[in-house]
């Protein structure tokens, strides 16, 4: 009966909450010189590979529903919270999201991060995170877990960036 009801209702779309800075990322950003300031370049290109369904719930980014906008806002939030954001800074960071997979019990993200000062590229890497978690038997609980884990996997992707020695080196050279 439950399977019949699910097939009649179709897929529901649910937005995740806006991004919040993580304590772990703030600790990692402590390795970045406090004088290093970044602006976040807007990148409106959408990932070519987006799959975001947990049971019968399609998970969507908040606001305009763009995962690229969500990544940009996540970068801005983390850098603002750590004191390393300045909209007019000469150092610019761009996150280009290429893959978003959110399923029941797993999520994968891939993004290319580029740091530039003027036209000079200081950092350019593709980073990938692959997360797994226990799934709930009930669909509503599994969907809730998927939404909560989506924010966590974006935090993990940024933590991977912030702890990268090459990123820290690019930030340390921000004055040159």
Protein backbone atom coordinates (compact mmCIF):
# COMPACT_ATOMS: atom_id res chain seq x y z
CA UNK A 1 0.00 0.00 0.00
CA UNK A 2 2.84 2.40 0.88
CA UNK A 3 4.50 1.69 -2.48
CA UNK A 4 1.23 2.47 -4.28
CA UNK A 5 0.82 5.74 -2.38
CA UNK A 6 4.40 6.76 -3.19
CA UNK A 7 3.93 6.07 -6.89
CA UNK A 8 0.81 8.24 -6.93
CA UNK A 9 2.41 11.19 -5.18
CA UNK A 10 5.54 11.36 -7.35
CA UNK A 11 8.66 13.24 -6.40
CA UNK A 12 8.61 16.10 -3.88
CA UNK A 13 11.19 18.91 -3.98
CA UNK A 14 12.62 20.18 -0.69
CA UNK A 15 15.16 22.98 -0.25
CA UNK A 16 18.00 22.57 2.20
CA UNK A 17 18.71 25.31 4.73
CA UNK A 18 21.13 28.13 3.88
CA UNK A 19 24.78 27.31 4.45
CA UNK A 20 26.29 27.86 7.91
CA UNK A 21 30.01 28.08 8.66
CA UNK A 22 31.51 25.05 10.37
CA UNK A 23 33.79 25.13 13.39
CA UNK A 24 36.17 22.66 11.71
CA UNK A 25 36.51 24.93 8.66
CA UNK A 26 37.11 27.95 10.85
CA UNK A 27 39.89 26.06 12.59
CA UNK A 28 41.44 25.18 9.20
CA UNK A 29 41.18 28.80 8.08
CA UNK A 30 43.26 29.65 11.16
CA UNK A 31 46.26 28.47 9.07
CA UNK A 32 45.58 31.22 6.56
CA UNK A 33 47.27 34.53 7.39
CA UNK A 34 44.74 36.94 8.93
CA UNK A 35 45.89 39.56 6.40
CA UNK A 36 44.94 37.33 3.43
CA UNK A 37 41.66 38.56 2.01
CA UNK A 38 39.66 36.90 -0.76
CA UNK A 39 36.79 37.97 -2.91
CA UNK A 40 34.54 35.20 -4.20
CA UNK A 41 34.09 35.18 -7.97
CA UNK A 42 30.56 34.52 -9.09
CA UNK A 43 30.26 31.42 -11.20
CA UNK A 44 26.83 30.82 -12.60
CA UNK A 45 27.70 27.72 -14.62
CA UNK A 46 25.73 24.75 -13.42
CA UNK A 47 27.28 21.34 -12.81
CA UNK A 48 26.81 19.00 -15.73
CA UNK A 49 26.14 16.06 -13.42
CA UNK A 50 23.42 16.74 -10.80
CA UNK A 51 21.50 13.92 -9.16
CA UNK A 52 19.79 14.79 -5.88
CA UNK A 53 17.06 12.32 -4.98
CA UNK A 54 16.69 10.61 -1.61
CA UNK A 55 13.80 8.17 -1.75
CA UNK A 56 11.04 10.30 -3.31
CA UNK A 57 12.44 13.69 -2.30
CA UNK A 58 14.45 15.82 -4.72
CA UNK A 59 16.88 17.94 -2.70
CA UNK A 60 17.36 21.46 -3.99
CA UNK A 61 19.73 24.30 -3.10
CA UNK A 62 18.10 27.25 -1.30
CA UNK A 63 17.16 30.50 -3.03
CA UNK A 64 17.33 30.15 -6.79
CA UNK A 65 18.00 26.40 -6.54
CA UNK A 66 21.49 26.72 -8.02
CA UNK A 67 24.16 24.47 -6.51
CA UNK A 68 26.84 26.78 -7.94
CA UNK A 69 25.31 29.73 -6.09
CA UNK A 70 25.19 27.58 -2.95
CA UNK A 71 28.93 26.81 -3.25
CA UNK A 72 29.73 30.51 -3.80
CA UNK A 73 27.66 31.45 -0.75
CA UNK A 74 29.36 28.72 1.29
CA UNK A 75 32.79 30.10 0.37
CA UNK A 76 31.67 33.64 1.20
CA UNK A 77 30.19 32.54 4.54
CA UNK A 78 33.31 30.66 5.65
CA UNK A 79 35.67 33.47 4.58
CA UNK A 80 33.49 36.18 6.15
CA UNK A 81 33.26 34.30 9.44
CA UNK A 82 37.05 33.86 9.57
CA UNK A 83 37.71 37.49 8.65
CA UNK A 84 39.30 36.58 5.30
CA UNK A 85 36.60 38.00 3.01
CA UNK A 86 36.77 41.36 1.26
CA UNK A 87 34.60 42.05 -1.80
CA UNK A 88 37.33 44.26 -3.27
CA UNK A 89 40.38 42.11 -2.41
CA UNK A 90 42.96 41.55 -5.16
CA UNK A 91 42.96 37.81 -4.39
CA UNK A 92 39.98 36.08 -5.98
CA UNK A 93 38.71 32.56 -5.39
CA UNK A 94 36.39 30.78 -7.78
CA UNK A 95 34.61 27.51 -7.11
CA UNK A 96 33.38 25.66 -10.19
CA UNK A 97 31.08 22.84 -9.20
CA UNK A 98 31.14 19.94 -11.66
CA UNK A 99 29.36 17.10 -9.85
CA UNK A 100 26.58 16.92 -7.26
CA UNK A 101 25.30 13.45 -6.33
CA UNK A 102 23.06 13.11 -3.30
CA UNK A 103 21.38 9.79 -2.75
CA UNK A 104 20.04 7.69 0.08
CA UNK A 105 23.09 7.21 2.31
CA UNK A 106 25.71 8.79 0.07
CA UNK A 107 26.83 12.06 -1.45
CA UNK A 108 29.62 13.05 -3.82
CA UNK A 109 30.79 16.52 -4.79
CA UNK A 110 33.48 17.59 -7.21
CA UNK A 111 34.62 21.16 -7.74
CA UNK A 112 37.52 22.99 -9.29
CA UNK A 113 38.91 25.81 -7.16
CA UNK A 114 40.99 28.56 -8.74
CA UNK A 115 42.71 31.37 -6.81
CA UNK A 116 43.94 34.32 -8.84
CA UNK A 117 45.68 37.57 -8.11
CA UNK A 118 45.05 39.83 -11.10
CA UNK A 119 45.58 37.44 -14.04
CA UNK A 120 48.08 35.23 -12.24
CA UNK A 121 46.79 31.82 -11.13
CA UNK A 122 48.04 31.01 -7.60
CA UNK A 123 46.04 27.81 -7.04
CA UNK A 124 44.10 25.51 -9.38
CA UNK A 125 42.87 22.10 -8.22
CA UNK A 126 39.94 19.76 -8.61
CA UNK A 127 38.75 18.45 -5.23
CA UNK A 128 36.35 15.60 -4.61
CA UNK A 129 34.55 14.35 -1.53
CA UNK A 130 32.63 11.11 -1.19
CA UNK A 131 30.56 10.68 1.99
CA UNK A 132 28.55 7.71 3.29
CA UNK A 133 26.13 7.49 6.22
CA UNK A 134 23.67 5.00 7.66
CA UNK A 135 20.22 5.23 6.14
CA UNK A 136 16.90 5.20 7.91
CA UNK A 137 14.20 2.67 7.08
CA UNK A 138 11.43 5.28 6.97
CA UNK A 139 11.52 7.46 3.86
CA UNK A 140 10.83 10.74 5.69
CA UNK A 141 13.74 10.13 8.07
CA UNK A 142 16.04 9.11 5.21
CA UNK A 143 15.14 12.28 3.30
CA UNK A 144 15.79 14.40 6.40
CA UNK A 145 19.19 12.73 6.84
CA UNK A 146 19.98 13.38 3.17
CA UNK A 147 19.18 17.07 3.55
CA UNK A 148 21.31 17.38 6.70
CA UNK A 149 24.20 15.48 5.12
CA UNK A 150 24.09 17.71 2.04
CA UNK A 151 25.21 20.70 4.08
CA UNK A 152 27.85 18.56 5.78
CA UNK A 153 29.30 17.35 2.48
CA UNK A 154 29.65 20.95 1.22
CA UNK A 155 31.43 21.77 4.50
CA UNK A 156 33.73 18.78 3.93
CA UNK A 157 34.54 19.92 0.39
CA UNK A 158 35.52 23.36 1.67
CA UNK A 159 37.52 21.84 4.53
CA UNK A 160 39.48 19.88 1.93
CA UNK A 161 40.26 23.18 0.20
CA UNK A 162 41.14 25.07 3.38
CA UNK A 163 43.51 22.35 4.65
CA UNK A 164 45.30 21.94 1.30
CA UNK A 165 48.93 23.06 1.76
CA UNK A 166 48.92 24.56 -1.75
CA UNK A 167 45.87 26.70 -0.89
CA UNK A 168 47.54 27.87 2.33
CA UNK A 169 50.69 28.70 0.36
CA UNK A 170 48.63 30.72 -2.17
CA UNK A 171 47.04 32.64 0.71
CA UNK A 172 50.43 33.29 2.32
CA UNK A 173 51.70 34.74 -0.95
CA UNK A 174 48.68 37.02 -1.24
CA UNK A 175 50.76 40.14 -0.66
CA UNK A 176 53.21 39.41 -3.47
